N, C-alpha and C. Protein backbone atom coordinates (compact mmCIF):
# COMPACT_ATOMS: atom_id res chain seq x y z
N UNK A 1 9.36 25.63 29.08
CA UNK A 1 8.50 24.89 28.17
C UNK A 1 9.23 24.59 26.86
N UNK A 2 10.05 25.55 26.40
CA UNK A 2 10.79 25.35 25.15
C UNK A 2 11.78 24.21 25.32
N UNK A 3 12.44 24.13 26.47
CA UNK A 3 13.40 23.05 26.71
C UNK A 3 12.71 21.69 26.69
N UNK A 4 11.52 21.61 27.26
CA UNK A 4 10.76 20.36 27.27
C UNK A 4 10.40 19.95 25.85
N UNK A 5 9.90 20.91 25.07
CA UNK A 5 9.53 20.64 23.68
C UNK A 5 10.73 20.20 22.87
N UNK A 6 11.85 20.88 23.05
CA UNK A 6 13.06 20.52 22.32
C UNK A 6 13.56 19.15 22.76
N UNK A 7 13.43 18.85 24.05
CA UNK A 7 13.85 17.54 24.56
C UNK A 7 13.00 16.42 23.98
N UNK A 8 11.70 16.65 23.91
CA UNK A 8 10.80 15.65 23.34
C UNK A 8 11.12 15.45 21.87
N UNK A 9 11.34 16.56 21.14
CA UNK A 9 11.65 16.46 19.72
C UNK A 9 12.97 15.71 19.50
N UNK A 10 13.99 16.04 20.27
CA UNK A 10 15.29 15.37 20.12
C UNK A 10 15.21 13.89 20.48
N UNK A 11 14.45 13.57 21.51
CA UNK A 11 14.28 12.17 21.91
C UNK A 11 13.55 11.40 20.82
N UNK A 12 12.48 12.00 20.29
CA UNK A 12 11.72 11.35 19.21
C UNK A 12 12.61 11.14 17.99
N UNK A 13 13.40 12.13 17.66
CA UNK A 13 14.31 12.04 16.52
C UNK A 13 15.33 10.92 16.73
N UNK A 14 15.84 10.80 17.94
CA UNK A 14 16.80 9.76 18.27
C UNK A 14 16.16 8.37 18.20
N UNK A 15 14.94 8.25 18.72
CA UNK A 15 14.24 6.97 18.67
C UNK A 15 14.02 6.57 17.22
N UNK A 16 13.56 7.51 16.38
CA UNK A 16 13.34 7.22 14.97
C UNK A 16 14.64 6.81 14.29
N UNK A 17 15.71 7.55 14.54
CA UNK A 17 16.99 7.26 13.89
C UNK A 17 17.51 5.88 14.29
N UNK A 18 17.37 5.52 15.54
CA UNK A 18 17.89 4.25 16.03
C UNK A 18 17.00 3.05 15.69
N UNK A 19 15.76 3.33 15.29
CA UNK A 19 14.80 2.24 15.03
C UNK A 19 14.16 2.34 13.66
N UNK A 20 14.78 3.03 12.74
CA UNK A 20 14.20 3.29 11.43
C UNK A 20 13.74 2.02 10.72
N UNK A 21 14.58 1.01 10.65
CA UNK A 21 14.24 -0.24 9.97
C UNK A 21 13.05 -0.93 10.63
N UNK A 22 13.09 -1.03 11.94
CA UNK A 22 11.99 -1.68 12.65
C UNK A 22 10.69 -0.90 12.50
N UNK A 23 10.77 0.41 12.55
CA UNK A 23 9.55 1.22 12.41
C UNK A 23 8.97 1.10 11.00
N UNK A 24 9.81 1.08 9.99
CA UNK A 24 9.32 0.95 8.62
C UNK A 24 8.66 -0.42 8.40
N UNK A 25 9.31 -1.48 8.85
CA UNK A 25 8.73 -2.82 8.72
C UNK A 25 7.41 -2.90 9.50
N UNK A 26 7.36 -2.30 10.67
CA UNK A 26 6.15 -2.29 11.48
C UNK A 26 5.03 -1.55 10.78
N UNK A 27 5.33 -0.42 10.17
CA UNK A 27 4.32 0.36 9.45
C UNK A 27 3.76 -0.42 8.25
N UNK A 28 4.63 -1.03 7.46
CA UNK A 28 4.19 -1.81 6.31
C UNK A 28 3.34 -2.99 6.76
N UNK A 29 3.78 -3.68 7.80
CA UNK A 29 3.02 -4.80 8.34
C UNK A 29 1.63 -4.34 8.80
N UNK A 30 1.56 -3.21 9.48
CA UNK A 30 0.30 -2.71 10.02
C UNK A 30 -0.67 -2.34 8.91
N UNK A 31 -0.20 -1.67 7.88
CA UNK A 31 -1.08 -1.30 6.76
C UNK A 31 -1.63 -2.55 6.08
N UNK A 32 -0.78 -3.52 5.84
CA UNK A 32 -1.23 -4.78 5.25
C UNK A 32 -2.22 -5.50 6.14
N UNK A 33 -1.98 -5.45 7.42
CA UNK A 33 -2.88 -6.11 8.36
C UNK A 33 -4.26 -5.45 8.35
N UNK A 34 -4.30 -4.12 8.26
CA UNK A 34 -5.60 -3.42 8.17
C UNK A 34 -6.41 -3.97 6.99
N UNK A 35 -5.78 -4.01 5.83
CA UNK A 35 -6.48 -4.44 4.61
C UNK A 35 -6.93 -5.90 4.71
N UNK A 36 -6.05 -6.76 5.17
CA UNK A 36 -6.39 -8.18 5.29
C UNK A 36 -7.52 -8.38 6.29
N UNK A 37 -7.46 -7.70 7.41
CA UNK A 37 -8.49 -7.86 8.44
C UNK A 37 -9.85 -7.39 7.93
N UNK A 38 -9.89 -6.27 7.23
CA UNK A 38 -11.17 -5.78 6.70
C UNK A 38 -11.76 -6.79 5.72
N UNK A 39 -10.95 -7.26 4.80
CA UNK A 39 -11.43 -8.21 3.79
C UNK A 39 -11.92 -9.50 4.45
N UNK A 40 -11.13 -10.04 5.36
CA UNK A 40 -11.53 -11.29 6.02
C UNK A 40 -12.81 -11.13 6.82
N UNK A 41 -12.91 -10.07 7.58
CA UNK A 41 -14.12 -9.87 8.38
C UNK A 41 -15.36 -9.71 7.52
N UNK A 42 -15.23 -8.98 6.43
CA UNK A 42 -16.39 -8.77 5.57
C UNK A 42 -16.79 -10.07 4.86
N UNK A 43 -15.81 -10.88 4.45
CA UNK A 43 -16.11 -12.11 3.73
C UNK A 43 -16.50 -13.27 4.65
N UNK A 44 -15.77 -13.44 5.73
CA UNK A 44 -15.98 -14.60 6.60
C UNK A 44 -17.08 -14.35 7.63
N UNK A 45 -17.02 -13.20 8.31
CA UNK A 45 -17.96 -12.93 9.39
C UNK A 45 -19.21 -12.19 8.89
N UNK A 46 -19.18 -11.76 7.65
CA UNK A 46 -20.32 -11.06 7.05
C UNK A 46 -20.75 -9.85 7.87
N UNK A 47 -19.77 -9.03 8.24
CA UNK A 47 -20.06 -7.80 8.98
C UNK A 47 -19.97 -6.60 8.04
N UNK A 48 -20.52 -5.49 8.48
CA UNK A 48 -20.49 -4.28 7.67
C UNK A 48 -19.07 -3.73 7.58
N UNK A 49 -18.87 -2.88 6.61
CA UNK A 49 -17.55 -2.27 6.43
C UNK A 49 -17.11 -1.49 7.67
N UNK A 50 -18.01 -0.75 8.29
CA UNK A 50 -17.65 0.07 9.46
C UNK A 50 -17.23 -0.80 10.64
N UNK A 51 -17.92 -1.89 10.87
CA UNK A 51 -17.53 -2.80 11.96
C UNK A 51 -16.18 -3.44 11.63
N UNK A 52 -16.03 -3.87 10.39
CA UNK A 52 -14.76 -4.47 9.98
C UNK A 52 -13.62 -3.47 10.10
N UNK A 53 -13.88 -2.23 9.71
CA UNK A 53 -12.86 -1.19 9.80
C UNK A 53 -12.45 -0.94 11.25
N UNK A 54 -13.42 -0.87 12.14
CA UNK A 54 -13.13 -0.64 13.56
C UNK A 54 -12.25 -1.76 14.11
N UNK A 55 -12.65 -3.00 13.88
CA UNK A 55 -11.86 -4.13 14.36
C UNK A 55 -10.51 -4.18 13.67
N UNK A 56 -10.49 -3.85 12.40
CA UNK A 56 -9.25 -3.91 11.64
C UNK A 56 -8.24 -2.85 12.07
N UNK A 57 -8.70 -1.82 12.73
CA UNK A 57 -7.78 -0.80 13.23
C UNK A 57 -7.30 -1.15 14.64
N UNK A 58 -8.22 -1.52 15.51
CA UNK A 58 -7.86 -1.76 16.91
C UNK A 58 -6.95 -2.98 17.06
N UNK A 59 -7.33 -4.09 16.50
CA UNK A 59 -6.57 -5.33 16.66
C UNK A 59 -5.17 -5.25 16.05
N UNK A 60 -4.99 -4.73 14.83
CA UNK A 60 -3.63 -4.63 14.30
C UNK A 60 -2.74 -3.64 15.04
N UNK A 61 -3.32 -2.61 15.63
CA UNK A 61 -2.49 -1.70 16.42
C UNK A 61 -1.85 -2.44 17.58
N UNK A 62 -2.63 -3.29 18.22
CA UNK A 62 -2.07 -4.11 19.30
C UNK A 62 -1.00 -5.06 18.74
N UNK A 63 -1.29 -5.66 17.59
CA UNK A 63 -0.31 -6.56 16.96
C UNK A 63 0.94 -5.81 16.52
N UNK A 64 0.79 -4.58 16.05
CA UNK A 64 1.97 -3.84 15.59
C UNK A 64 2.90 -3.51 16.75
N UNK A 65 2.33 -3.23 17.91
CA UNK A 65 3.17 -2.99 19.09
C UNK A 65 3.91 -4.28 19.45
N UNK A 66 3.18 -5.39 19.42
CA UNK A 66 3.81 -6.68 19.69
C UNK A 66 4.91 -6.96 18.68
N UNK A 67 4.65 -6.70 17.39
CA UNK A 67 5.66 -6.95 16.36
C UNK A 67 6.90 -6.09 16.59
N UNK A 68 6.71 -4.82 16.94
CA UNK A 68 7.84 -3.93 17.17
C UNK A 68 8.71 -4.47 18.30
N UNK A 69 8.08 -4.87 19.39
CA UNK A 69 8.82 -5.43 20.53
C UNK A 69 9.55 -6.70 20.10
N UNK A 70 8.85 -7.59 19.40
CA UNK A 70 9.46 -8.82 18.92
C UNK A 70 10.63 -8.54 17.99
N UNK A 71 10.48 -7.59 17.08
CA UNK A 71 11.55 -7.24 16.14
C UNK A 71 12.76 -6.68 16.88
N UNK A 72 12.53 -5.86 17.89
CA UNK A 72 13.65 -5.30 18.66
C UNK A 72 14.39 -6.41 19.41
N UNK A 73 13.66 -7.35 19.99
CA UNK A 73 14.30 -8.46 20.68
C UNK A 73 15.07 -9.31 19.67
N UNK A 74 14.44 -9.60 18.55
CA UNK A 74 15.06 -10.44 17.51
C UNK A 74 16.35 -9.81 17.01
N UNK A 75 16.29 -8.53 16.62
CA UNK A 75 17.48 -7.88 16.06
C UNK A 75 18.58 -7.72 17.10
N UNK A 76 18.21 -7.54 18.37
CA UNK A 76 19.25 -7.41 19.39
C UNK A 76 19.96 -8.73 19.62
N UNK A 77 19.26 -9.84 19.49
CA UNK A 77 19.88 -11.16 19.68
C UNK A 77 20.84 -11.47 18.54
N UNK A 78 20.45 -11.16 17.30
CA UNK A 78 21.30 -11.46 16.15
C UNK A 78 22.46 -10.49 16.03
N UNK A 79 22.30 -9.25 16.44
CA UNK A 79 23.41 -8.30 16.32
C UNK A 79 24.49 -8.60 17.34
N UNK A 80 24.15 -9.22 18.46
CA UNK A 80 25.15 -9.57 19.45
C UNK A 80 26.02 -10.74 19.01
N UNK A 81 25.45 -11.62 18.18
CA UNK A 81 26.20 -12.79 17.71
C UNK A 81 27.17 -12.45 16.60
N UNK A 82 26.93 -11.35 15.87
CA UNK A 82 27.79 -10.99 14.73
C UNK A 82 28.93 -10.14 15.14
């Protein structure tokens, strides 16, 4: 069990180290998206804060995964040309 835990920790550490820039940009994008989505839903759709919050969390999480994948593809294409 200790080997599994250490393996997971080392793998996570490696993923973070190799993707630090993409993960940071993804995190900043996601936080901004939460705020924008809540404000827009409350102003445009006239929904309660709790409904806006729920939608603002679920939808940006899906978008953040998409952004991370897109960023990885983008950076891999440009790093190969340089």
